[in-house]
PDB file of all heavy atoms in Angstrom:
ATOM      1  N   VAL A   1      -7.997  -7.628 -14.080  1.00  0.00           N
ATOM      2  CA  VAL A   1      -7.270  -8.277 -15.121  1.00  0.00           C
ATOM      3  C   VAL A   1      -5.770  -8.478 -14.612  1.00  0.00           C
ATOM      4  O   VAL A   1      -5.195  -9.509 -14.603  1.00  0.00           O
ATOM      5  CB  VAL A   1      -7.224  -7.573 -16.456  1.00  0.00           C
ATOM      6  CG1 VAL A   1      -6.205  -8.256 -17.443  1.00  0.00           C
ATOM      7  CG2 VAL A   1      -8.659  -7.574 -17.141  1.00  0.00           C
ATOM      8  N   GLY A   2      -5.141  -7.314 -14.208  1.00  0.00           N
ATOM      9  CA  GLY A   2      -3.768  -7.339 -13.712  1.00  0.00           C
ATOM     10  C   GLY A   2      -3.654  -8.128 -12.501  1.00  0.00           C
ATOM     11  O   GLY A   2      -2.690  -8.964 -12.354  1.00  0.00           O
ATOM     12  N   LEU A   3      -4.599  -8.055 -11.558  1.00  0.00           N
ATOM     13  CA  LEU A   3      -4.591  -8.748 -10.207  1.00  0.00           C
ATOM     14  C   LEU A   3      -4.619 -10.199 -10.341  1.00  0.00           C
ATOM     15  O   LEU A   3      -3.915 -10.953  -9.766  1.00  0.00           O
ATOM     16  CB  LEU A   3      -5.562  -8.264  -9.280  1.00  0.00           C
ATOM     17  CG  LEU A   3      -5.256  -6.754  -8.714  1.00  0.00           C
ATOM     18  CD1 LEU A   3      -6.556  -6.081  -8.155  1.00  0.00           C
ATOM     19  CD2 LEU A   3      -4.153  -6.937  -7.658  1.00  0.00           C
ATOM     20  N   MET A   4      -5.509 -10.612 -11.188  1.00  0.00           N
ATOM     21  CA  MET A   4      -5.805 -12.043 -11.443  1.00  0.00           C
ATOM     22  C   MET A   4      -4.638 -12.698 -12.203  1.00  0.00           C
ATOM     23  O   MET A   4      -4.134 -13.755 -11.849  1.00  0.00           O
ATOM     24  CB  MET A   4      -7.064 -12.342 -12.191  1.00  0.00           C
ATOM     25  CG  MET A   4      -8.274 -11.983 -11.396  1.00  0.00           C
ATOM     26  SD  MET A   4      -9.936 -12.225 -12.415  1.00  0.00           S
ATOM     27  CE  MET A   4      -9.780 -14.096 -12.518  1.00  0.00           C
ATOM     28  N   THR A   5      -4.041 -11.918 -13.129  1.00  0.00           N
ATOM     29  CA  THR A   5      -2.854 -12.355 -13.824  1.00  0.00           C
ATOM     30  C   THR A   5      -1.631 -12.609 -12.863  1.00  0.00           C
ATOM     31  O   THR A   5      -0.919 -13.457 -12.876  1.00  0.00           O
ATOM     32  CB  THR A   5      -2.507 -11.462 -15.015  1.00  0.00           C
ATOM     33  OG1 THR A   5      -3.600 -11.371 -15.896  1.00  0.00           O
ATOM     34  CG2 THR A   5      -1.203 -11.920 -15.713  1.00  0.00           C
ATOM     35  N   ALA A   6      -1.440 -11.598 -11.935  1.00  0.00           N
ATOM     36  CA  ALA A   6      -0.330 -11.532 -10.979  1.00  0.00           C
ATOM     37  C   ALA A   6      -0.517 -12.790  -9.981  1.00  0.00           C
ATOM     38  O   ALA A   6       0.408 -13.483  -9.808  1.00  0.00           O
ATOM     39  CB  ALA A   6      -0.314 -10.309 -10.329  1.00  0.00           C
ATOM     40  N   ASP A   7      -1.738 -12.922  -9.577  1.00  0.00           N
ATOM     41  CA  ASP A   7      -2.032 -14.171  -8.780  1.00  0.00           C
ATOM     42  C   ASP A   7      -1.763 -15.519  -9.395  1.00  0.00           C
ATOM     43  O   ASP A   7      -1.153 -16.416  -8.782  1.00  0.00           O
ATOM     44  CB  ASP A   7      -3.460 -14.079  -8.236  1.00  0.00           C
ATOM     45  CG  ASP A   7      -3.587 -13.142  -6.866  1.00  0.00           C
ATOM     46  OD1 ASP A   7      -2.618 -12.693  -6.469  1.00  0.00           O
ATOM     47  OD2 ASP A   7      -4.794 -12.791  -6.758  1.00  0.00           O
ATOM     48  N   THR A   8      -2.037 -15.581 -10.594  1.00  0.00           N
ATOM     49  CA  THR A   8      -1.859 -16.683 -11.380  1.00  0.00           C
ATOM     50  C   THR A   8      -0.466 -16.990 -11.513  1.00  0.00           C
ATOM     51  O   THR A   8       0.070 -18.190 -11.366  1.00  0.00           O
ATOM     52  CB  THR A   8      -2.526 -16.728 -12.753  1.00  0.00           C
ATOM     53  OG1 THR A   8      -4.055 -16.552 -12.502  1.00  0.00           O
ATOM     54  CG2 THR A   8      -2.421 -17.957 -13.563  1.00  0.00           C
ATOM     55  N   PHE A   9       0.444 -16.005 -11.973  1.00  0.00           N
ATOM     56  CA  PHE A   9       1.756 -16.102 -12.041  1.00  0.00           C
ATOM     57  C   PHE A   9       2.365 -16.587 -10.724  1.00  0.00           C
ATOM     58  O   PHE A   9       3.334 -17.542 -10.735  1.00  0.00           O
ATOM     59  CB  PHE A   9       2.492 -14.977 -12.595  1.00  0.00           C
ATOM     60  CG  PHE A   9       2.338 -14.683 -14.085  1.00  0.00           C
ATOM     61  CD1 PHE A   9       2.209 -13.374 -14.593  1.00  0.00           C
ATOM     62  CD2 PHE A   9       2.472 -15.627 -14.990  1.00  0.00           C
ATOM     63  CE1 PHE A   9       2.039 -13.181 -15.868  1.00  0.00           C
ATOM     64  CE2 PHE A   9       2.402 -15.564 -16.283  1.00  0.00           C
ATOM     65  CZ  PHE A   9       2.154 -14.173 -16.934  1.00  0.00           C
ATOM     66  N   GLY A  10       2.062 -15.929  -9.652  1.00  0.00           N
ATOM     67  CA  GLY A  10       2.612 -16.323  -8.441  1.00  0.00           C
ATOM     68  C   GLY A  10       2.323 -17.623  -7.952  1.00  0.00           C
ATOM     69  O   GLY A  10       3.323 -18.343  -7.371  1.00  0.00           O
ATOM     70  N   LEU A  11       1.059 -18.248  -8.186  1.00  0.00           N
ATOM     71  CA  LEU A  11       0.790 -19.549  -7.840  1.00  0.00           C
ATOM     72  C   LEU A  11       1.512 -20.500  -8.770  1.00  0.00           C
ATOM     73  O   LEU A  11       2.051 -21.562  -8.309  1.00  0.00           O
ATOM     74  CB  LEU A  11      -0.761 -19.752  -8.000  1.00  0.00           C
ATOM     75  CG  LEU A  11      -1.530 -19.194  -6.875  1.00  0.00           C
ATOM     76  CD1 LEU A  11      -2.986 -19.330  -7.360  1.00  0.00           C
ATOM     77  CD2 LEU A  11      -1.335 -19.887  -5.546  1.00  0.00           C
ATOM     78  N   ALA A  12       1.641 -20.226 -10.089  1.00  0.00           N
ATOM     79  CA  ALA A  12       2.266 -21.198 -11.068  1.00  0.00           C
ATOM     80  C   ALA A  12       3.841 -21.168 -10.699  1.00  0.00           C
ATOM     81  O   ALA A  12       4.428 -22.319 -10.827  1.00  0.00           O
ATOM     82  CB  ALA A  12       2.032 -20.635 -12.362  1.00  0.00           C
ATOM     83  N   LEU A  13       4.400 -20.061 -10.392  1.00  0.00           N
ATOM     84  CA  LEU A  13       5.784 -19.988 -10.151  1.00  0.00           C
ATOM     85  C   LEU A  13       6.252 -20.279  -8.788  1.00  0.00           C
ATOM     86  O   LEU A  13       7.433 -20.468  -8.485  1.00  0.00           O
ATOM     87  CB  LEU A  13       6.388 -18.757 -10.574  1.00  0.00           C
ATOM     88  CG  LEU A  13       6.179 -18.379 -12.242  1.00  0.00           C
ATOM     89  CD1 LEU A  13       6.578 -16.953 -12.445  1.00  0.00           C
ATOM     90  CD2 LEU A  13       6.955 -19.285 -12.956  1.00  0.00           C
ATOM     91  N   GLY A  14       5.321 -20.151  -7.845  1.00  0.00           N
ATOM     92  CA  GLY A  14       5.745 -20.361  -6.397  1.00  0.00           C
ATOM     93  C   GLY A  14       6.484 -19.117  -5.874  1.00  0.00           C
ATOM     94  O   GLY A  14       7.476 -19.349  -5.099  1.00  0.00           O
ATOM     95  N   VAL A  15       6.113 -18.017  -6.269  1.00  0.00           N
ATOM     96  CA  VAL A  15       6.798 -16.847  -5.887  1.00  0.00           C
ATOM     97  C   VAL A  15       5.909 -15.814  -5.267  1.00  0.00           C
ATOM     98  O   VAL A  15       4.819 -15.898  -5.549  1.00  0.00           O
ATOM     99  CB  VAL A  15       7.624 -16.081  -7.136  1.00  0.00           C
ATOM    100  CG1 VAL A  15       8.675 -17.080  -7.745  1.00  0.00           C
ATOM    101  CG2 VAL A  15       6.631 -15.546  -8.113  1.00  0.00           C
ATOM    102  N   PRO A  16       6.416 -14.826  -4.337  1.00  0.00           N
ATOM    103  CA  PRO A  16       5.542 -13.911  -3.735  1.00  0.00           C
ATOM    104  C   PRO A  16       4.960 -12.951  -4.797  1.00  0.00           C
ATOM    105  O   PRO A  16       5.571 -12.627  -5.870  1.00  0.00           O
ATOM    106  CB  PRO A  16       6.443 -13.251  -2.731  1.00  0.00           C
ATOM    107  CG  PRO A  16       7.812 -13.499  -3.216  1.00  0.00           C
ATOM    108  CD  PRO A  16       7.822 -14.831  -4.023  1.00  0.00           C
ATOM    109  N   VAL A  17       3.871 -12.327  -4.422  1.00  0.00           N
ATOM    110  CA  VAL A  17       3.134 -11.333  -5.246  1.00  0.00           C
ATOM    111  C   VAL A  17       2.929 -10.151  -4.400  1.00  0.00           C
ATOM    112  O   VAL A  17       2.331 -10.155  -3.308  1.00  0.00           O
ATOM    113  CB  VAL A  17       1.770 -11.808  -5.768  1.00  0.00           C
ATOM    114  CG1 VAL A  17       1.086 -10.635  -6.631  1.00  0.00           C
ATOM    115  CG2 VAL A  17       1.986 -13.064  -6.672  1.00  0.00           C
ATOM    116  N   HIS A  18       3.532  -9.038  -4.796  1.00  0.00           N
ATOM    117  CA  HIS A  18       3.553  -7.771  -3.985  1.00  0.00           C
ATOM    118  C   HIS A  18       2.615  -6.748  -4.547  1.00  0.00           C
ATOM    119  O   HIS A  18       2.653  -6.508  -5.821  1.00  0.00           O
ATOM    120  CB  HIS A  18       4.891  -7.127  -3.835  1.00  0.00           C
ATOM    121  CG  HIS A  18       5.880  -8.100  -3.298  1.00  0.00           C
ATOM    122  ND1 HIS A  18       5.947  -8.544  -2.001  1.00  0.00           N
ATOM    123  CD2 HIS A  18       7.081  -8.681  -3.837  1.00  0.00           C
ATOM    124  CE1 HIS A  18       6.966  -9.372  -1.678  1.00  0.00           C
ATOM    125  NE2 HIS A  18       7.668  -9.469  -2.869  1.00  0.00           N
ATOM    126  N   GLY A  19       1.862  -5.981  -3.783  1.00  0.00           N
ATOM    127  CA  GLY A  19       1.131  -4.857  -4.363  1.00  0.00           C
ATOM    128  C   GLY A  19       1.694  -3.602  -4.195  1.00  0.00           C
ATOM    129  O   GLY A  19       2.495  -3.406  -3.254  1.00  0.00           O
ATOM    130  N   VAL A  20       1.467  -2.614  -5.140  1.00  0.00           N
ATOM    131  CA  VAL A  20       1.971  -1.268  -4.933  1.00  0.00           C
ATOM    132  C   VAL A  20       0.674  -0.431  -5.504  1.00  0.00           C
ATOM    133  O   VAL A  20       0.101  -0.786  -6.481  1.00  0.00           O
ATOM    134  CB  VAL A  20       3.137  -1.101  -5.792  1.00  0.00           C
ATOM    135  CG1 VAL A  20       3.552   0.489  -5.862  1.00  0.00           C
ATOM    136  CG2 VAL A  20       4.325  -1.884  -5.425  1.00  0.00           C
ATOM    137  N   CYS A  21       0.509   0.594  -4.764  1.00  0.00           N
ATOM    138  CA  CYS A  21      -0.627   1.501  -5.167  1.00  0.00           C
ATOM    139  C   CYS A  21      -0.371   2.070  -6.444  1.00  0.00           C
ATOM    140  O   CYS A  21       0.764   2.707  -6.627  1.00  0.00           O
ATOM    141  CB  CYS A  21      -0.820   2.574  -4.134  1.00  0.00           C
ATOM    142  SG  CYS A  21      -1.918   3.903  -4.470  1.00  0.00           S
ATOM    143  N   THR A  22      -1.275   2.031  -7.358  1.00  0.00           N
ATOM    144  CA  THR A  22      -1.012   2.686  -8.815  1.00  0.00           C
ATOM    145  C   THR A  22      -0.616   4.082  -8.627  1.00  0.00           C
ATOM    146  O   THR A  22       0.225   4.730  -9.358  1.00  0.00           O
ATOM    147  CB  THR A  22      -2.237   2.373  -9.687  1.00  0.00           C
ATOM    148  OG1 THR A  22      -2.343   0.972  -9.684  1.00  0.00           O
ATOM    149  CG2 THR A  22      -2.089   3.024 -11.009  1.00  0.00           C
ATOM    150  N   LEU A  23      -1.346   4.960  -7.781  1.00  0.00           N
ATOM    151  CA  LEU A  23      -0.982   6.326  -7.573  1.00  0.00           C
ATOM    152  C   LEU A  23       0.468   6.580  -7.163  1.00  0.00           C
ATOM    153  O   LEU A  23       1.101   7.561  -7.601  1.00  0.00           O
ATOM    154  CB  LEU A  23      -1.905   6.884  -6.669  1.00  0.00           C
ATOM    155  CG  LEU A  23      -3.510   6.796  -6.976  1.00  0.00           C
ATOM    156  CD1 LEU A  23      -4.314   7.516  -5.906  1.00  0.00           C
ATOM    157  CD2 LEU A  23      -3.748   7.485  -8.336  1.00  0.00           C
ATOM    158  N   ASP A  24       0.952   5.602  -6.263  1.00  0.00           N
ATOM    159  CA  ASP A  24       2.380   5.677  -5.812  1.00  0.00           C
ATOM    160  C   ASP A  24       3.268   5.542  -6.975  1.00  0.00           C
ATOM    161  O   ASP A  24       4.385   6.125  -7.069  1.00  0.00           O
ATOM    162  CB  ASP A  24       2.596   4.644  -4.806  1.00  0.00           C
ATOM    163  CG  ASP A  24       1.921   4.881  -3.525  1.00  0.00           C
ATOM    164  OD1 ASP A  24       1.210   5.835  -3.373  1.00  0.00           O
ATOM    165  OD2 ASP A  24       1.964   4.006  -2.668  1.00  0.00           O
ATOM    166  N   GLY A  25       2.978   4.706  -8.084  1.00  0.00           N
ATOM    167  CA  GLY A  25       3.785   4.535  -9.236  1.00  0.00           C
ATOM    168  C   GLY A  25       3.894   5.772 -10.081  1.00  0.00           C
ATOM    169  O   GLY A  25       4.951   6.196 -10.508  1.00  0.00           O
ATOM    170  N   LEU A  26       2.685   6.397 -10.189  1.00  0.00           N
ATOM    171  CA  LEU A  26       2.826   7.674 -10.947  1.00  0.00           C
ATOM    172  C   LEU A  26       3.630   8.784 -10.176  1.00  0.00           C
ATOM    173  O   LEU A  26       4.304   9.480 -10.844  1.00  0.00           O
ATOM    174  CB  LEU A  26       1.288   8.167 -11.042  1.00  0.00           C
ATOM    175  CG  LEU A  26       0.556   7.632 -12.274  1.00  0.00           C
ATOM    176  CD1 LEU A  26      -1.001   7.779 -12.174  1.00  0.00           C
ATOM    177  CD2 LEU A  26       0.934   8.416 -13.524  1.00  0.00           C
ATOM    178  N   ALA A  27       3.441   8.803  -8.854  1.00  0.00           N
ATOM    179  CA  ALA A  27       4.109   9.768  -8.149  1.00  0.00           C
ATOM    180  C   ALA A  27       5.695   9.553  -8.305  1.00  0.00           C
ATOM    181  O   ALA A  27       6.542  10.432  -8.381  1.00  0.00           O
ATOM    182  CB  ALA A  27       3.715   9.705  -6.624  1.00  0.00           C
ATOM    183  N   HIS A  28       6.078   8.320  -8.221  1.00  0.00           N
ATOM    184  CA  HIS A  28       7.482   7.986  -8.271  1.00  0.00           C
ATOM    185  C   HIS A  28       8.103   8.229  -9.714  1.00  0.00           C
ATOM    186  O   HIS A  28       9.117   8.825  -9.698  1.00  0.00           O
ATOM    187  CB  HIS A  28       7.607   6.440  -8.161  1.00  0.00           C
ATOM    188  CG  HIS A  28       9.079   5.884  -8.104  1.00  0.00           C
ATOM    189  ND1 HIS A  28       9.908   6.223  -6.918  1.00  0.00           N
ATOM    190  CD2 HIS A  28       9.813   5.145  -8.883  1.00  0.00           C
ATOM    191  CE1 HIS A  28      11.024   5.676  -7.168  1.00  0.00           C
ATOM    192  NE2 HIS A  28      11.022   5.093  -8.321  1.00  0.00           N
ATOM    193  N   ALA A  29       7.202   8.052 -10.668  1.00  0.00           N
ATOM    194  CA  ALA A  29       7.712   8.439 -12.072  1.00  0.00           C
ATOM    195  C   ALA A  29       7.812   9.939 -12.271  1.00  0.00           C
ATOM    196  O   ALA A  29       8.730  10.475 -12.948  1.00  0.00           O
ATOM    197  CB  ALA A  29       6.757   7.784 -13.067  1.00  0.00           C
ATOM    198  N   ALA A  30       6.926  10.625 -11.611  1.00  0.00           N
ATOM    199  CA  ALA A  30       6.959  12.248 -11.703  1.00  0.00           C
ATOM    200  C   ALA A  30       8.171  12.784 -11.163  1.00  0.00           C
ATOM    201  O   ALA A  30       8.811  13.759 -11.679  1.00  0.00           O
ATOM    202  CB  ALA A  30       5.690  12.802 -11.085  1.00  0.00           C
ATOM    203  N   ASP A  31       8.680  12.376  -9.949  1.00  0.00           N
ATOM    204  CA  ASP A  31       9.785  12.740  -9.280  1.00  0.00           C
ATOM    205  C   ASP A  31       9.732  14.239  -9.208  1.00  0.00           C
ATOM    206  O   ASP A  31      10.862  15.033  -9.413  1.00  0.00           O
ATOM    207  CB  ASP A  31      11.067  12.260 -10.221  1.00  0.00           C
ATOM    208  CG  ASP A  31      12.339  12.317  -9.334  1.00  0.00           C
ATOM    209  OD1 ASP A  31      12.069  12.256  -8.125  1.00  0.00           O
ATOM    210  OD2 ASP A  31      13.372  12.488  -9.984  1.00  0.00           O
ATOM    211  N   LEU A  32       8.740  14.797  -8.662  1.00  0.00           N
ATOM    212  CA  LEU A  32       8.581  16.262  -8.249  1.00  0.00           C
ATOM    213  C   LEU A  32       9.112  16.497  -6.903  1.00  0.00           C
ATOM    214  O   LEU A  32       9.194  15.673  -6.078  1.00  0.00           O
ATOM    215  CB  LEU A  32       7.142  16.712  -8.372  1.00  0.00           C
ATOM    216  CG  LEU A  32       6.397  16.665  -9.707  1.00  0.00           C
ATOM    217  CD1 LEU A  32       4.947  17.058  -9.567  1.00  0.00           C
ATOM    218  CD2 LEU A  32       7.151  17.506 -10.773  1.00  0.00           C
ATOM    219  N   ALA A  33       9.686  17.679  -6.737  1.00  0.00           N
ATOM    220  CA  ALA A  33      10.461  17.919  -5.559  1.00  0.00           C
ATOM    221  C   ALA A  33       9.532  18.285  -4.299  1.00  0.00           C
ATOM    222  O   ALA A  33       9.854  17.905  -3.205  1.00  0.00           O
ATOM    223  CB  ALA A  33      11.411  19.204  -5.783  1.00  0.00           C
TER     224      ALA A  33
END
């Protein structure tokens, strides 16, 4: 759902679409030392 929506927005707007690993997002938010 998210990937197809992102691709559709990118095509419609003519802008780049970047991926980020979902686990990396969780790690970034945790901010453990």
